[in-house]
N, C-alpha and C. Protein backbone atom coordinates (compact mmCIF):
# COMPACT_ATOMS: atom_id res chain seq x y z
N MET A 1 0.84 -1.18 0.00
CA MET A 1 0.00 0.00 0.00
C MET A 1 0.88 1.25 0.00
N THR A 2 0.56 2.19 -0.81
CA THR A 2 1.32 3.43 -0.89
C THR A 2 0.62 4.51 -0.09
N ASP A 3 1.35 5.11 0.84
CA ASP A 3 0.80 6.22 1.62
C ASP A 3 1.04 7.51 0.86
N LYS A 4 0.03 8.35 0.83
CA LYS A 4 0.16 9.64 0.17
C LYS A 4 -0.26 10.73 1.15
N ILE A 5 0.37 11.87 1.01
CA ILE A 5 0.05 13.02 1.83
C ILE A 5 -0.45 14.12 0.92
N GLN A 6 -1.57 14.70 1.28
CA GLN A 6 -2.10 15.82 0.51
C GLN A 6 -1.58 17.11 1.14
N ALA A 7 -1.06 17.98 0.31
CA ALA A 7 -0.55 19.25 0.80
C ALA A 7 -1.16 20.38 -0.03
N ASN A 8 -1.29 21.50 0.59
CA ASN A 8 -1.81 22.67 -0.11
C ASN A 8 -0.65 23.41 -0.76
N LEU A 9 -0.28 22.97 -1.95
CA LEU A 9 0.82 23.58 -2.69
C LEU A 9 0.26 24.38 -3.85
N SER A 10 0.92 25.45 -4.16
CA SER A 10 0.48 26.25 -5.31
C SER A 10 0.79 25.48 -6.59
N PRO A 11 0.04 25.71 -7.64
CA PRO A 11 0.29 25.02 -8.91
C PRO A 11 1.72 25.21 -9.42
N SER A 12 2.29 26.39 -9.19
CA SER A 12 3.67 26.62 -9.66
C SER A 12 4.66 25.76 -8.87
N THR A 13 4.41 25.57 -7.57
CA THR A 13 5.28 24.71 -6.77
C THR A 13 5.18 23.27 -7.23
N VAL A 14 3.97 22.81 -7.51
CA VAL A 14 3.77 21.44 -8.00
C VAL A 14 4.51 21.24 -9.32
N GLU A 15 4.44 22.23 -10.20
CA GLU A 15 5.14 22.13 -11.48
C GLU A 15 6.65 22.06 -11.29
N ARG A 16 7.17 22.86 -10.37
CA ARG A 16 8.61 22.85 -10.11
C ARG A 16 9.06 21.50 -9.56
N VAL A 17 8.32 20.97 -8.58
CA VAL A 17 8.66 19.66 -8.01
C VAL A 17 8.58 18.58 -9.07
N ALA A 18 7.53 18.60 -9.88
CA ALA A 18 7.37 17.60 -10.93
C ALA A 18 8.51 17.68 -11.93
N GLY A 19 8.93 18.89 -12.27
CA GLY A 19 10.04 19.05 -13.20
C GLY A 19 11.33 18.49 -12.66
N ILE A 20 11.58 18.72 -11.38
CA ILE A 20 12.80 18.18 -10.75
C ILE A 20 12.72 16.66 -10.65
N ALA A 21 11.58 16.16 -10.22
CA ALA A 21 11.42 14.72 -10.01
C ALA A 21 11.49 13.93 -11.31
N ASN A 22 11.18 14.57 -12.42
CA ASN A 22 11.14 13.86 -13.70
C ASN A 22 12.49 13.82 -14.40
N SER A 23 13.50 14.50 -13.88
CA SER A 23 14.81 14.47 -14.53
C SER A 23 15.58 13.23 -14.09
N ARG A 24 16.47 12.78 -14.95
CA ARG A 24 17.25 11.56 -14.66
C ARG A 24 18.04 11.65 -13.37
N LYS A 25 18.63 12.80 -13.13
CA LYS A 25 19.51 12.95 -11.97
C LYS A 25 18.77 12.92 -10.65
N THR A 26 17.47 13.19 -10.66
CA THR A 26 16.74 13.29 -9.40
C THR A 26 15.58 12.32 -9.31
N ARG A 27 15.73 11.16 -9.89
CA ARG A 27 14.66 10.15 -9.78
C ARG A 27 14.49 9.74 -8.32
N GLY A 28 15.50 9.94 -7.50
CA GLY A 28 15.42 9.62 -6.08
C GLY A 28 14.90 10.79 -5.27
N ILE A 29 13.92 11.51 -5.80
CA ILE A 29 13.40 12.71 -5.13
C ILE A 29 12.85 12.37 -3.74
N ASP A 30 12.26 11.19 -3.58
CA ASP A 30 11.73 10.78 -2.28
C ASP A 30 12.84 10.72 -1.24
N LYS A 31 13.97 10.13 -1.63
CA LYS A 31 15.11 10.04 -0.72
C LYS A 31 15.63 11.43 -0.38
N MET A 32 15.72 12.30 -1.40
CA MET A 32 16.21 13.65 -1.19
C MET A 32 15.30 14.41 -0.22
N ILE A 33 14.00 14.30 -0.41
CA ILE A 33 13.05 14.99 0.47
C ILE A 33 13.18 14.46 1.89
N ASN A 34 13.30 13.15 2.05
CA ASN A 34 13.44 12.58 3.39
C ASN A 34 14.72 13.05 4.07
N GLU A 35 15.81 13.15 3.32
CA GLU A 35 17.06 13.65 3.90
C GLU A 35 16.91 15.10 4.34
N CYS A 36 16.23 15.90 3.53
CA CYS A 36 15.99 17.31 3.89
C CYS A 36 15.14 17.40 5.15
N LEU A 37 14.10 16.58 5.23
CA LEU A 37 13.25 16.59 6.42
C LEU A 37 14.02 16.18 7.66
N ASP A 38 14.89 15.17 7.53
CA ASP A 38 15.73 14.76 8.66
C ASP A 38 16.61 15.92 9.12
N ASN A 39 17.21 16.63 8.16
CA ASN A 39 18.05 17.77 8.51
C ASN A 39 17.26 18.87 9.18
N LEU A 40 16.05 19.14 8.70
CA LEU A 40 15.21 20.17 9.31
C LEU A 40 14.81 19.79 10.74
N GLN A 41 14.50 18.52 10.96
CA GLN A 41 14.14 18.07 12.31
C GLN A 41 15.32 18.24 13.26
N GLU A 42 16.52 17.92 12.79
CA GLU A 42 17.70 18.06 13.63
C GLU A 42 17.95 19.54 13.95
N LEU A 43 17.80 20.40 12.95
CA LEU A 43 17.96 21.83 13.19
C LEU A 43 16.95 22.34 14.20
N LYS A 44 15.72 21.87 14.09
CA LYS A 44 14.66 22.29 15.01
C LYS A 44 15.00 21.86 16.44
N ARG A 45 15.50 20.63 16.60
CA ARG A 45 15.88 20.14 17.93
C ARG A 45 17.01 20.98 18.51
N ASN A 46 17.97 21.36 17.67
CA ASN A 46 19.15 22.07 18.15
C ASN A 46 18.96 23.58 18.24
N CYS A 47 17.84 24.07 17.78
CA CYS A 47 17.60 25.51 17.67
C CYS A 47 17.69 26.23 19.01
N GLY A 48 17.14 25.66 20.06
CA GLY A 48 17.11 26.33 21.35
C GLY A 48 18.32 26.05 22.22
N GLN A 49 19.26 25.27 21.73
CA GLN A 49 20.42 24.92 22.54
C GLN A 49 21.50 25.99 22.42
N GLU A 50 22.30 26.08 23.48
CA GLU A 50 23.44 26.99 23.46
C GLU A 50 24.46 26.48 22.45
N PRO A 51 25.09 27.37 21.70
CA PRO A 51 26.14 26.92 20.78
C PRO A 51 27.30 26.34 21.57
N GLN A 52 27.81 25.23 21.10
CA GLN A 52 28.91 24.57 21.80
C GLN A 52 30.23 25.15 21.31
N GLN A 53 31.14 25.39 22.27
CA GLN A 53 32.45 25.89 21.89
C GLN A 53 33.31 24.75 21.39
N GLU A 54 34.09 25.04 20.37
CA GLU A 54 35.03 24.04 19.87
C GLU A 54 36.18 23.96 20.86
N GLU A 55 36.82 22.81 20.92
CA GLU A 55 37.93 22.61 21.83
C GLU A 55 39.05 23.60 21.52
N GLY A 56 39.57 24.26 22.54
CA GLY A 56 40.65 25.22 22.36
C GLY A 56 40.17 26.62 22.02
N GLU A 57 38.88 26.82 21.94
CA GLU A 57 38.33 28.14 21.61
C GLU A 57 38.17 28.94 22.91
N ASN A 58 38.58 30.19 22.90
CA ASN A 58 38.47 31.06 24.07
C ASN A 58 37.29 31.99 23.94
N GLU A 59 36.61 32.25 25.05
CA GLU A 59 35.50 33.20 25.03
C GLU A 59 36.01 34.63 24.92
N SER A 60 37.24 34.89 25.38
CA SER A 60 37.75 36.25 25.41
C SER A 60 38.33 36.71 24.08
N GLU A 61 38.32 35.86 23.08
CA GLU A 61 38.90 36.25 21.79
C GLU A 61 38.06 37.26 21.08
């Protein structure tokens, strides 16, 4: 069974996605979208955290 999600996208956005998905280089559009979503979720989780200092970095610099 194939799960589908309905989204309220503008016709121009649908055309752009379809154009990208139909090219040889991006037949794996599903994988690309999932990787982007994973990255966005990680950014969202890390958004409220304090930036970590790299080892050897001084605050007084």
